[in-house]
Amino acid sequence: GGYLDATPNGFHGSALPPATPTAFEGGIAGCAKL
């Protein structure tokens, strides 16, 4: 659940193992590189 849903609905996402997406510089602050 580490990829947070910014709304109060709480639909948080999780990276599926075994590979974790790489943190990357996005168009708006940070993003995930898949």
Full PDB file with SEQRES, HELIX, SHEET, SSBOND, CRYST1, ORIGX, SCALE, CONECT and MASTER records, all heavy atoms in Angstrom:
SEQRES   1 A   34  GLY GLY TYR LEU ASP ALA THR PRO ASN GLY PHE HIS GLY          
SEQRES   2 A   34  SER ALA LEU PRO PRO ALA THR PRO THR ALA PHE GLU GLY          
SEQRES   3 A   34  GLY ILE ALA GLY CYS ALA LYS LEU                              
SHEET    1 AA1 2 THR A  22  GLU A  25  0                                        
SHEET    2 AA1 2 GLY A  30  LYS A  33 -1                                        
CRYST1    1.000    1.000    1.000  90.00  90.00  90.00 P 1           1          
ORIGX1      1.000000  0.000000  0.000000        0.00000                         
ORIGX2      0.000000  1.000000  0.000000        0.00000                         
ORIGX3      0.000000  0.000000  1.000000        0.00000                         
SCALE1      1.000000  0.000000  0.000000        0.00000                         
SCALE2      0.000000  1.000000  0.000000        0.00000                         
SCALE3      0.000000  0.000000  1.000000        0.00000                         
ATOM      1  N   GLY A   1       0.798  -1.219   0.000  1.00  0.00           N  
ATOM      2  CA  GLY A   1       0.000   0.000   0.000  1.00  0.00           C  
ATOM      3  C   GLY A   1       0.822   1.256   0.000  1.00  0.00           C  
ATOM      4  O   GLY A   1       0.340   2.334   0.342  1.00  0.00           O  
ATOM      5  N   GLY A   2       2.090   1.151  -0.398  1.00  0.00           N  
ATOM      6  CA  GLY A   2       2.995   2.295  -0.322  1.00  0.00           C  
ATOM      7  C   GLY A   2       2.757   3.372  -1.362  1.00  0.00           C  
ATOM      8  O   GLY A   2       3.220   4.491  -1.193  1.00  0.00           O  
ATOM      9  N   TYR A   3       2.040   3.044  -2.433  1.00  0.00           N  
ATOM     10  CA  TYR A   3       1.699   4.055  -3.441  1.00  0.00           C  
ATOM     11  C   TYR A   3       0.328   4.613  -3.067  1.00  0.00           C  
ATOM     12  O   TYR A   3      -0.711   4.013  -3.358  1.00  0.00           O  
ATOM     13  CB  TYR A   3       1.705   3.447  -4.837  1.00  0.00           C  
ATOM     14  CG  TYR A   3       3.102   3.123  -5.313  1.00  0.00           C  
ATOM     15  CD1 TYR A   3       3.598   1.831  -5.217  1.00  0.00           C  
ATOM     16  CD2 TYR A   3       3.922   4.117  -5.822  1.00  0.00           C  
ATOM     17  CE1 TYR A   3       4.886   1.536  -5.636  1.00  0.00           C  
ATOM     18  CE2 TYR A   3       5.212   3.830  -6.244  1.00  0.00           C  
ATOM     19  CZ  TYR A   3       5.695   2.540  -6.143  1.00  0.00           C  
ATOM     20  OH  TYR A   3       6.969   2.259  -6.557  1.00  0.00           O  
ATOM     21  N   LEU A   4       0.335   5.741  -2.412  1.00  0.00           N  
ATOM     22  CA  LEU A   4      -0.869   6.252  -1.769  1.00  0.00           C  
ATOM     23  C   LEU A   4      -1.845   6.872  -2.760  1.00  0.00           C  
ATOM     24  O   LEU A   4      -1.443   7.576  -3.699  1.00  0.00           O  
ATOM     25  CB  LEU A   4      -0.486   7.289  -0.711  1.00  0.00           C  
ATOM     26  CG  LEU A   4       0.429   6.801   0.418  1.00  0.00           C  
ATOM     27  CD1 LEU A   4       0.707   7.937   1.387  1.00  0.00           C  
ATOM     28  CD2 LEU A   4      -0.158   5.599   1.137  1.00  0.00           C  
ATOM     29  N   ASP A   5      -3.109   6.615  -2.516  1.00  0.00           N  
ATOM     30  CA  ASP A   5      -4.202   7.310  -3.190  1.00  0.00           C  
ATOM     31  C   ASP A   5      -4.395   8.638  -2.461  1.00  0.00           C  
ATOM     32  O   ASP A   5      -4.643   8.658  -1.255  1.00  0.00           O  
ATOM     33  CB  ASP A   5      -5.459   6.450  -3.136  1.00  0.00           C  
ATOM     34  CG  ASP A   5      -6.697   7.158  -3.642  1.00  0.00           C  
ATOM     35  OD1 ASP A   5      -6.565   8.212  -4.299  1.00  0.00           O  
ATOM     36  OD2 ASP A   5      -7.805   6.643  -3.374  1.00  0.00           O  
ATOM     37  N   ALA A   6      -4.280   9.749  -3.173  1.00  0.00           N  
ATOM     38  CA  ALA A   6      -4.368  11.061  -2.536  1.00  0.00           C  
ATOM     39  C   ALA A   6      -5.782  11.390  -2.070  1.00  0.00           C  
ATOM     40  O   ALA A   6      -5.957  12.270  -1.227  1.00  0.00           O  
ATOM     41  CB  ALA A   6      -3.874  12.145  -3.494  1.00  0.00           C  
ATOM     42  N   THR A   7      -6.799  10.709  -2.594  1.00  0.00           N  
ATOM     43  CA  THR A   7      -8.172  10.975  -2.170  1.00  0.00           C  
ATOM     44  C   THR A   7      -8.449  10.264  -0.846  1.00  0.00           C  
ATOM     45  O   THR A   7      -7.704   9.356  -0.447  1.00  0.00           O  
ATOM     46  CB  THR A   7      -9.183  10.489  -3.221  1.00  0.00           C  
ATOM     47  OG1 THR A   7      -9.318   9.064  -3.127  1.00  0.00           O  
ATOM     48  CG2 THR A   7      -8.751  10.875  -4.630  1.00  0.00           C  
ATOM     49  N   PRO A   8      -9.535  10.618  -0.169  1.00  0.00           N  
ATOM     50  CA  PRO A   8      -9.868   9.926   1.084  1.00  0.00           C  
ATOM     51  C   PRO A   8     -10.428   8.519   0.867  1.00  0.00           C  
ATOM     52  O   PRO A   8     -10.710   7.816   1.836  1.00  0.00           O  
ATOM     53  CB  PRO A   8     -10.904  10.848   1.729  1.00  0.00           C  
ATOM     54  CG  PRO A   8     -11.462  11.658   0.633  1.00  0.00           C  
ATOM     55  CD  PRO A   8     -10.408  11.782  -0.405  1.00  0.00           C  
ATOM     56  N   ASN A   9     -10.565   8.083  -0.397  1.00  0.00           N  
ATOM     57  CA  ASN A   9     -11.124   6.758  -0.666  1.00  0.00           C  
ATOM     58  C   ASN A   9     -10.160   5.638  -0.318  1.00  0.00           C  
ATOM     59  O   ASN A   9     -10.579   4.497  -0.106  1.00  0.00           O  
ATOM     60  CB  ASN A   9     -11.543   6.655  -2.132  1.00  0.00           C  
ATOM     61  CG  ASN A   9     -12.639   7.650  -2.476  1.00  0.00           C  
ATOM     62  OD1 ASN A   9     -13.527   7.910  -1.664  1.00  0.00           O  
ATOM     63  ND2 ASN A   9     -12.580   8.223  -3.664  1.00  0.00           N  
ATOM     64  N   GLY A  10      -8.864   5.933  -0.277  1.00  0.00           N  
ATOM     65  CA  GLY A  10      -7.894   4.972   0.222  1.00  0.00           C  
ATOM     66  C   GLY A  10      -7.603   3.803  -0.687  1.00  0.00           C  
ATOM     67  O   GLY A  10      -7.300   2.708  -0.205  1.00  0.00           O  
ATOM     68  N   PHE A  11      -7.648   3.985  -1.993  1.00  0.00           N  
ATOM     69  CA  PHE A  11      -7.307   2.911  -2.926  1.00  0.00           C  
ATOM     70  C   PHE A  11      -5.791   2.885  -3.132  1.00  0.00           C  
ATOM     71  O   PHE A  11      -5.276   3.244  -4.204  1.00  0.00           O  
ATOM     72  CB  PHE A  11      -8.032   3.107  -4.258  1.00  0.00           C  
ATOM     73  CG  PHE A  11      -9.531   3.097  -4.144  1.00  0.00           C  
ATOM     74  CD1 PHE A  11     -10.290   4.113  -4.695  1.00  0.00           C  
ATOM     75  CD2 PHE A  11     -10.178   2.073  -3.467  1.00  0.00           C  
ATOM     76  CE1 PHE A  11     -11.669   4.105  -4.591  1.00  0.00           C  
ATOM     77  CE2 PHE A  11     -11.561   2.061  -3.349  1.00  0.00           C  
ATOM     78  CZ  PHE A  11     -12.316   3.081  -3.908  1.00  0.00           C  
ATOM     79  N   HIS A  12      -5.067   2.467  -2.108  1.00  0.00           N  
ATOM     80  CA  HIS A  12      -3.609   2.499  -2.150  1.00  0.00           C  
ATOM     81  C   HIS A  12      -3.071   1.316  -2.949  1.00  0.00           C  
ATOM     82  O   HIS A  12      -3.612   0.202  -2.893  1.00  0.00           O  
ATOM     83  CB  HIS A  12      -3.049   2.474  -0.735  1.00  0.00           C  
ATOM     84  CG  HIS A  12      -3.586   3.562   0.145  1.00  0.00           C  
ATOM     85  ND1 HIS A  12      -3.677   4.878  -0.264  1.00  0.00           N  
ATOM     86  CD2 HIS A  12      -4.105   3.529   1.409  1.00  0.00           C  
ATOM     87  CE1 HIS A  12      -4.201   5.609   0.710  1.00  0.00           C  
ATOM     88  NE2 HIS A  12      -4.476   4.813   1.729  1.00  0.00           N  
ATOM     89  N   GLY A  13      -1.992   1.573  -3.680  1.00  0.00           N  
ATOM     90  CA  GLY A  13      -1.408   0.544  -4.534  1.00  0.00           C  
ATOM     91  C   GLY A  13      -0.144  -0.047  -3.945  1.00  0.00           C  
ATOM     92  O   GLY A  13       0.559   0.587  -3.163  1.00  0.00           O  
ATOM     93  N   SER A  14       0.153  -1.286  -4.348  1.00  0.00           N  
ATOM     94  CA  SER A  14       1.357  -1.995  -3.898  1.00  0.00           C  
ATOM     95  C   SER A  14       2.120  -2.498  -5.118  1.00  0.00           C  
ATOM     96  O   SER A  14       1.518  -2.940  -6.104  1.00  0.00           O  
ATOM     97  CB  SER A  14       0.995  -3.181  -3.003  1.00  0.00           C  
ATOM     98  OG  SER A  14       0.234  -2.768  -1.888  1.00  0.00           O  
ATOM     99  N   ALA A  15       3.438  -2.442  -5.036  1.00  0.00           N  
ATOM    100  CA  ALA A  15       4.272  -2.996  -6.100  1.00  0.00           C  
ATOM    101  C   ALA A  15       4.231  -4.514  -6.019  1.00  0.00           C  
ATOM    102  O   ALA A  15       4.387  -5.099  -4.941  1.00  0.00           O  
ATOM    103  CB  ALA A  15       5.699  -2.490  -5.955  1.00  0.00           C  
ATOM    104  N   LEU A  16       4.009  -5.197  -7.155  1.00  0.00           N  
ATOM    105  CA  LEU A  16       3.968  -6.653  -7.161  1.00  0.00           C  
ATOM    106  C   LEU A  16       5.386  -7.206  -7.159  1.00  0.00           C  
ATOM    107  O   LEU A  16       6.223  -6.784  -7.962  1.00  0.00           O  
ATOM    108  CB  LEU A  16       3.211  -7.154  -8.391  1.00  0.00           C  
ATOM    109  CG  LEU A  16       1.715  -6.826  -8.436  1.00  0.00           C  
ATOM    110  CD1 LEU A  16       1.068  -7.511  -9.617  1.00  0.00           C  
ATOM    111  CD2 LEU A  16       1.020  -7.244  -7.147  1.00  0.00           C  
ATOM    112  N   PRO A  17       5.677  -8.147  -6.269  1.00  0.00           N  
ATOM    113  CA  PRO A  17       7.016  -8.724  -6.245  1.00  0.00           C  
ATOM    114  C   PRO A  17       7.228  -9.602  -7.488  1.00  0.00           C  
ATOM    115  O   PRO A  17       6.253 -10.001  -8.146  1.00  0.00           O  
ATOM    116  CB  PRO A  17       7.001  -9.555  -4.949  1.00  0.00           C  
ATOM    117  CG  PRO A  17       5.556  -9.871  -4.720  1.00  0.00           C  
ATOM    118  CD  PRO A  17       4.797  -8.701  -5.262  1.00  0.00           C  
ATOM    119  N   PRO A  18       8.487  -9.895  -7.826  1.00  0.00           N  
ATOM    120  CA  PRO A  18       9.666  -9.596  -7.000  1.00  0.00           C  
ATOM    121  C   PRO A  18      10.283  -8.236  -7.300  1.00  0.00           C  
ATOM    122  O   PRO A  18      11.090  -7.747  -6.524  1.00  0.00           O  
ATOM    123  CB  PRO A  18      10.624 -10.715  -7.410  1.00  0.00           C  
ATOM    124  CG  PRO A  18      10.285 -10.957  -8.851  1.00  0.00           C  
ATOM    125  CD  PRO A  18       8.794 -10.789  -8.962  1.00  0.00           C  
ATOM    126  N   ALA A  19       9.939  -7.624  -8.423  1.00  0.00           N  
ATOM    127  CA  ALA A  19      10.626  -6.400  -8.839  1.00  0.00           C  
ATOM    128  C   ALA A  19       9.876  -5.174  -8.334  1.00  0.00           C  
ATOM    129  O   ALA A  19       8.643  -5.108  -8.414  1.00  0.00           O  
ATOM    130  CB  ALA A  19      10.760  -6.343 -10.353  1.00  0.00           C  
ATOM    131  N   THR A  20      10.599  -4.208  -7.790  1.00  0.00           N  
ATOM    132  CA  THR A  20      10.023  -2.962  -7.312  1.00  0.00           C  
ATOM    133  C   THR A  20      10.328  -1.852  -8.307  1.00  0.00           C  
ATOM    134  O   THR A  20      11.467  -1.711  -8.745  1.00  0.00           O  
ATOM    135  CB  THR A  20      10.608  -2.581  -5.939  1.00  0.00           C  
ATOM    136  OG1 THR A  20      10.283  -3.609  -5.007  1.00  0.00           O  
ATOM    137  CG2 THR A  20      10.040  -1.268  -5.455  1.00  0.00           C  
ATOM    138  N   PRO A  21       9.332  -1.060  -8.697  1.00  0.00           N  
ATOM    139  CA  PRO A  21       9.597   0.046  -9.616  1.00  0.00           C  
ATOM    140  C   PRO A  21      10.672   0.980  -9.081  1.00  0.00           C  
ATOM    141  O   PRO A  21      10.834   1.141  -7.864  1.00  0.00           O  
ATOM    142  CB  PRO A  21       8.247   0.749  -9.723  1.00  0.00           C  
ATOM    143  CG  PRO A  21       7.244  -0.301  -9.376  1.00  0.00           C  
ATOM    144  CD  PRO A  21       7.908  -1.165  -8.352  1.00  0.00           C  
ATOM    145  N   THR A  22      11.377   1.624  -9.971  1.00  0.00           N  
ATOM    146  CA  THR A  22      12.440   2.544  -9.605  1.00  0.00           C  
ATOM    147  C   THR A  22      11.866   3.942  -9.383  1.00  0.00           C  
ATOM    148  O   THR A  22      11.028   4.405 -10.162  1.00  0.00           O  
ATOM    149  CB  THR A  22      13.504   2.603 -10.713  1.00  0.00           C  
ATOM    150  OG1 THR A  22      13.976   1.281 -10.961  1.00  0.00           O  
ATOM    151  CG2 THR A  22      14.653   3.501 -10.311  1.00  0.00           C  
ATOM    152  N   ALA A  23      12.294   4.591  -8.293  1.00  0.00           N  
ATOM    153  CA  ALA A  23      11.922   5.991  -8.090  1.00  0.00           C  
ATOM    154  C   ALA A  23      12.588   6.837  -9.152  1.00  0.00           C  
ATOM    155  O   ALA A  23      13.764   6.653  -9.474  1.00  0.00           O  
ATOM    156  CB  ALA A  23      12.333   6.449  -6.701  1.00  0.00           C  
ATOM    157  N   PHE A  24      11.854   7.788  -9.691  1.00  0.00           N  
ATOM    158  CA  PHE A  24      12.341   8.534 -10.857  1.00  0.00           C  
ATOM    159  C   PHE A  24      11.821   9.964 -10.770  1.00  0.00           C  
ATOM    160  O   PHE A  24      10.846  10.253 -10.076  1.00  0.00           O  
ATOM    161  CB  PHE A  24      11.822   7.849 -12.132  1.00  0.00           C  
ATOM    162  CG  PHE A  24      12.614   8.160 -13.373  1.00  0.00           C  
ATOM    163  CD1 PHE A  24      13.894   7.649 -13.544  1.00  0.00           C  
ATOM    164  CD2 PHE A  24      12.075   8.960 -14.372  1.00  0.00           C  
ATOM    165  CE1 PHE A  24      14.621   7.917 -14.702  1.00  0.00           C  
ATOM    166  CE2 PHE A  24      12.789   9.241 -15.519  1.00  0.00           C  
ATOM    167  CZ  PHE A  24      14.063   8.716 -15.677  1.00  0.00           C  
ATOM    168  N   GLU A  25      12.480  10.867 -11.454  1.00  0.00           N  
ATOM    169  CA  GLU A  25      12.026  12.262 -11.548  1.00  0.00           C  
ATOM    170  C   GLU A  25      10.900  12.341 -12.563  1.00  0.00           C  
ATOM    171  O   GLU A  25      11.073  12.009 -13.737  1.00  0.00           O  
ATOM    172  CB  GLU A  25      13.167  13.176 -11.969  1.00  0.00           C  
ATOM    173  CG  GLU A  25      12.781  14.636 -12.133  1.00  0.00           C  
ATOM    174  CD  GLU A  25      12.442  15.341 -10.834  1.00  0.00           C  
ATOM    175  OE1 GLU A  25      12.732  14.768  -9.755  1.00  0.00           O  
ATOM    176  OE2 GLU A  25      11.884  16.452 -10.872  1.00  0.00           O  
ATOM    177  N   GLY A  26       9.722  12.752 -12.107  1.00  0.00           N  
ATOM    178  CA  GLY A  26       8.561  12.759 -12.978  1.00  0.00           C  
ATOM    179  C   GLY A  26       8.245  14.114 -13.564  1.00  0.00           C  
ATOM    180  O   GLY A  26       8.966  15.099 -13.373  1.00  0.00           O  
ATOM    181  N   GLY A  27       7.151  14.153 -14.281  1.00  0.00           N  
ATOM    182  CA  GLY A  27       6.692  15.429 -14.830  1.00  0.00           C  
ATOM    183  C   GLY A  27       6.224  16.368 -13.738  1.00  0.00           C  
ATOM    184  O   GLY A  27       6.271  17.583 -13.881  1.00  0.00           O  
ATOM    185  N   ILE A  28       5.738  15.785 -12.631  1.00  0.00           N  
ATOM    186  CA  ILE A  28       5.358  16.543 -11.435  1.00  0.00           C  
ATOM    187  C   ILE A  28       6.009  15.854 -10.251  1.00  0.00           C  
ATOM    188  O   ILE A  28       5.516  14.834  -9.767  1.00  0.00           O  
ATOM    189  CB  ILE A  28       3.835  16.605 -11.256  1.00  0.00           C  
ATOM    190  CG1 ILE A  28       3.160  17.203 -12.489  1.00  0.00           C  
ATOM    191  CG2 ILE A  28       3.460  17.402 -10.013  1.00  0.00           C  
ATOM    192  CD1 ILE A  28       1.651  17.128 -12.460  1.00  0.00           C  
ATOM    193  N   ALA A  29       7.147  16.333  -9.796  1.00  0.00           N  
ATOM    194  CA  ALA A  29       7.888  15.742  -8.671  1.00  0.00           C  
ATOM    195  C   ALA A  29       8.267  14.305  -8.985  1.00  0.00           C  
ATOM    196  O   ALA A  29       8.648  13.987 -10.113  1.00  0.00           O  
ATOM    197  CB  ALA A  29       7.088  15.870  -7.385  1.00  0.00           C  
ATOM    198  N   GLY A  30       8.162  13.396  -7.974  1.00  0.00           N  
ATOM    199  CA  GLY A  30       8.607  12.025  -8.160  1.00  0.00           C  
ATOM    200  C   GLY A  30       7.590  11.165  -8.875  1.00  0.00           C  
ATOM    201  O   GLY A  30       6.397  11.456  -8.902  1.00  0.00           O  
ATOM    202  N   CYS A  31       8.092  10.042  -9.441  1.00  0.00           N  
ATOM    203  CA  CYS A  31       7.214   9.109 -10.124  1.00  0.00           C  
ATOM    204  C   CYS A  31       7.803   7.710 -10.006  1.00  0.00           C  
ATOM    205  O   CYS A  31       8.849   7.511  -9.384  1.00  0.00           O  
ATOM    206  CB  CYS A  31       7.023   9.492 -11.582  1.00  0.00           C  
ATOM    207  SG  CYS A  31       8.489   9.197 -12.606  1.00  0.00           S  
ATOM    208  N   ALA A  32       7.130   6.737 -10.596  1.00  0.00           N  
ATOM    209  CA  ALA A  32       7.603   5.359 -10.614  1.00  0.00           C  
ATOM    210  C   ALA A  32       7.991   4.980 -12.038  1.00  0.00           C  
ATOM    211  O   ALA A  32       7.224   5.208 -12.979  1.00  0.00           O  
ATOM    212  CB  ALA A  32       6.527   4.420 -10.086  1.00  0.00           C  
ATOM    213  N   LYS A  33       9.172   4.379 -12.190  1.00  0.00           N  
ATOM    214  CA  LYS A  33       9.628   3.891 -13.487  1.00  0.00           C  
ATOM    215  C   LYS A  33       9.344   2.395 -13.550  1.00  0.00           C  
ATOM    216  O   LYS A  33       9.885   1.605 -12.778  1.00  0.00           O  
ATOM    217  CB  LYS A  33      11.117   4.158 -13.671  1.00  0.00           C  
ATOM    218  CG  LYS A  33      11.636   3.740 -15.046  1.00  0.00           C  
ATOM    219  CD  LYS A  33      13.101   4.108 -15.213  1.00  0.00           C  
ATOM    220  CE  LYS A  33      13.605   3.745 -16.615  1.00  0.00           C  
ATOM    221  NZ  LYS A  33      15.032   4.101 -16.781  1.00  0.00           N  
ATOM    222  N   LEU A  34       8.460   2.023 -14.473  1.00  0.00           N  
ATOM    223  CA  LEU A  34       8.022   0.637 -14.611  1.00  0.00           C  
ATOM    224  C   LEU A  34       8.698   0.018 -15.829  1.00  0.00           C  
ATOM    225  O   LEU A  34       8.589   0.538 -16.946  1.00  0.00           O  
ATOM    226  CB  LEU A  34       6.500   0.573 -14.766  1.00  0.00           C  
ATOM    227  CG  LEU A  34       5.705   1.164 -13.591  1.00  0.00           C  
ATOM    228  CD1 LEU A  34       4.250   1.366 -13.962  1.00  0.00           C  
ATOM    229  CD2 LEU A  34       5.821   0.271 -12.369  1.00  0.00           C  
TER     230      LEU A  34                                                      
MASTER        0    0    0    0    2    0    0    6  229    1    0    3          
END                                                                             
